[in-house]
Amino acid sequence: MAYTTTDLTNIETAIKEFIAGTRVGQVSIGDHLIKFADVTLADLERLRTQIKSEIGTYYSPRTYAKQGGRGY
């Protein structure tokens, strides 16, 4: 599968939500408990590393000249 920068953004958002405890992993409806997926922070971080390595040089966060650079 070819990953995109959107995939990287989505996994980073998922990691932040997981750490903050705002990501919903299950829901209870009546007497039924539905789990969306059992995932750990380590699983998400491994996937982020994999995505970054596959994107490689194609991924470059935006930088602006006024933020530093060659002293201009």
C-alpha atoms as a PDB file:
ATOM      1  CA  MET A   1       0.000   0.000   0.000  1.00  0.00           C
ATOM      2  CA  ALA A   2       1.294   3.447  -0.870  1.00  0.00           C
ATOM      3  CA  TYR A   3       0.942   5.845   2.035  1.00  0.00           C
ATOM      4  CA  THR A   4       0.313   9.559   1.646  1.00  0.00           C
ATOM      5  CA  THR A   5       1.010  12.591   3.796  1.00  0.00           C
ATOM      6  CA  THR A   6      -2.702  12.545   4.641  1.00  0.00           C
ATOM      7  CA  ASP A   7      -2.226   9.074   6.127  1.00  0.00           C
ATOM      8  CA  LEU A   8       0.651  10.401   8.215  1.00  0.00           C
ATOM      9  CA  THR A   9      -1.453  13.336   9.416  1.00  0.00           C
ATOM     10  CA  ASN A  10      -4.316  10.973  10.304  1.00  0.00           C
ATOM     11  CA  ILE A  11      -2.106   8.625  12.327  1.00  0.00           C
ATOM     12  CA  GLU A  12      -0.487  11.534  14.167  1.00  0.00           C
ATOM     13  CA  THR A  13      -3.962  12.843  15.026  1.00  0.00           C
ATOM     14  CA  ALA A  14      -4.957   9.379  16.257  1.00  0.00           C
ATOM     15  CA  ILE A  15      -1.852   9.244  18.469  1.00  0.00           C
ATOM     16  CA  LYS A  16      -2.648  12.653  19.984  1.00  0.00           C
ATOM     17  CA  GLU A  17      -6.271  11.615  20.614  1.00  0.00           C
ATOM     18  CA  PHE A  18      -5.150   8.321  22.137  1.00  0.00           C
ATOM     19  CA  ILE A  19      -2.764  10.089  24.525  1.00  0.00           C
ATOM     20  CA  ALA A  20      -5.412  12.686  25.433  1.00  0.00           C
ATOM     21  CA  GLY A  21      -7.977   9.938  26.021  1.00  0.00           C
ATOM     22  CA  THR A  22     -10.457  11.449  23.576  1.00  0.00           C
ATOM     23  CA  ARG A  23     -10.329   8.652  21.013  1.00  0.00           C
ATOM     24  CA  VAL A  24     -13.346   6.370  21.362  1.00  0.00           C
ATOM     25  CA  GLY A  25     -12.441   2.683  21.163  1.00  0.00           C
ATOM     26  CA  GLN A  26     -15.745   1.199  22.199  1.00  0.00           C
ATOM     27  CA  VAL A  27     -19.398   2.026  22.581  1.00  0.00           C
ATOM     28  CA  SER A  28     -22.118   0.481  24.687  1.00  0.00           C
ATOM     29  CA  ILE A  29     -25.589   0.185  23.150  1.00  0.00           C
ATOM     30  CA  GLY A  30     -28.105  -1.357  25.490  1.00  0.00           C
ATOM     31  CA  ASP A  31     -26.542  -4.554  26.802  1.00  0.00           C
ATOM     32  CA  HIS A  32     -24.111  -4.799  23.861  1.00  0.00           C
ATOM     33  CA  LEU A  33     -20.525  -3.594  23.987  1.00  0.00           C
ATOM     34  CA  ILE A  34     -19.022  -2.907  20.571  1.00  0.00           C
ATOM     35  CA  LYS A  35     -15.240  -2.548  20.298  1.00  0.00           C
ATOM     36  CA  PHE A  36     -13.928  -0.792  17.216  1.00  0.00           C
ATOM     37  CA  ALA A  37     -10.383  -2.099  17.544  1.00  0.00           C
ATOM     38  CA  ASP A  38      -7.928  -3.071  20.207  1.00  0.00           C
ATOM     39  CA  VAL A  39      -4.928  -0.880  19.554  1.00  0.00           C
ATOM     40  CA  THR A  40      -2.080   0.280  21.729  1.00  0.00           C
ATOM     41  CA  LEU A  41      -0.017   3.431  21.593  1.00  0.00           C
ATOM     42  CA  ALA A  42       2.953   1.291  20.539  1.00  0.00           C
ATOM     43  CA  ASP A  43       0.921  -0.058  17.582  1.00  0.00           C
ATOM     44  CA  LEU A  44       0.091   3.469  16.446  1.00  0.00           C
ATOM     45  CA  GLU A  45       3.700   4.619  16.824  1.00  0.00           C
ATOM     46  CA  ARG A  46       4.966   1.625  14.793  1.00  0.00           C
ATOM     47  CA  LEU A  47       2.516   2.442  12.031  1.00  0.00           C
ATOM     48  CA  ARG A  48       3.627   6.099  12.084  1.00  0.00           C
ATOM     49  CA  THR A  49       7.260   4.990  11.724  1.00  0.00           C
ATOM     50  CA  GLN A  50       6.339   2.704   8.835  1.00  0.00           C
ATOM     51  CA  ILE A  51       4.417   5.460   7.060  1.00  0.00           C
ATOM     52  CA  LYS A  52       7.285   7.939   7.528  1.00  0.00           C
ATOM     53  CA  SER A  53       9.819   5.475   6.146  1.00  0.00           C
ATOM     54  CA  GLU A  54       7.676   4.674   3.107  1.00  0.00           C
ATOM     55  CA  ILE A  55       6.967   8.327   2.363  1.00  0.00           C
ATOM     56  CA  GLY A  56      10.685   9.027   2.803  1.00  0.00           C
ATOM     57  CA  THR A  57      11.938  12.033   0.913  1.00  0.00           C
ATOM     58  CA  TYR A  58       8.495  12.773  -0.461  1.00  0.00           C
ATOM     59  CA  TYR A  59       7.413  14.130   2.917  1.00  0.00           C
ATOM     60  CA  SER A  60       8.784  17.498   3.847  1.00  0.00           C
ATOM     61  CA  PRO A  61       6.964  19.766   6.282  1.00  0.00           C
ATOM     62  CA  ARG A  62       6.524  23.308   5.056  1.00  0.00           C
ATOM     63  CA  THR A  63       9.173  25.782   6.068  1.00  0.00           C
ATOM     64  CA  TYR A  64       9.203  29.494   5.583  1.00  0.00           C
ATOM     65  CA  ALA A  65      12.170  31.737   4.868  1.00  0.00           C
ATOM     66  CA  LYS A  66      11.352  34.043   7.774  1.00  0.00           C
ATOM     67  CA  GLN A  67      11.676  31.153  10.231  1.00  0.00           C
ATOM     68  CA  GLY A  68      15.435  30.970   9.818  1.00  0.00           C
ATOM     69  CA  GLY A  69      17.477  29.389   7.127  1.00  0.00           C
ATOM     70  CA  ARG A  70      20.577  31.075   5.769  1.00  0.00           C
ATOM     71  CA  GLY A  71      20.514  34.128   7.942  1.00  0.00           C
ATOM     72  CA  TYR A  72      18.483  36.314   5.623  1.00  0.00           C
END
